[in-house]
Every structure is written in structure tokens, then in C-alpha cells.
Amino acid sequence: MIGERVAFEGGAPVLTATQMAAALGITEEELRVELRAGRVLSVVERGESEDAGRLRARLRWRSLEVVFVVGADGTVIAMTRSGAWRQAPEHDTP
């Protein structure tokens, strides 16, 4: 994703479903299921001082965290992944 551009909405970066799924290593359909279940979280932080104009977006799913640094023009200038992920179960059981 480094070098790709993301859209902005209300001053915050907005990743497409395709971008989010690729970053998490899951399909778009799996992403939709996880989003509906409330298992994908995101946080956006604004840079200050020497980082002014940059945003850091964190995407968390299960034990995986993907961090994007986005420049003022919407270009992803850095991306890191930490933690491990496990495939979501095909069917939840009660």
C-alpha cells in the first residue's frame, strides 16, 4: 500500500474495503462479516510539531494491528503490521 492514495472524509483517511481487506490479509467478504460483528477497529491520530500534516491510522483486527502513516495529500508513506492473525471461522457456533 505504500505509495497508494487514500480518500479523506471529514479530515480523516478513509480506506476502501479493498485496501482494508488487503492490509488485513482477508477477503472483502470476510472483512464485511468482521465489520458487522464489530471486530475491526480503527483509530486516527493527527501529527503535531514535526509530524504536522501527517496522519497515523491504526487498523486492528483480532491480534493484528496495521499502522498507516498518511501524508497531507493522502499518500500512504509508511505501513507496518504487528501481531499475528488467524483466519476468521467460516461459521460462528453458539
Foldseek 3Di string as FASTA:
>chain_A
DAFDFFDDDPNHTDDDLVVVCVQVVHDSVQVVVCVVVVQKDKDKDADDDVRHQKIWMWIDGDQKIKIFIAGNRRGTHDIDIDGDDDDDDPDDDD
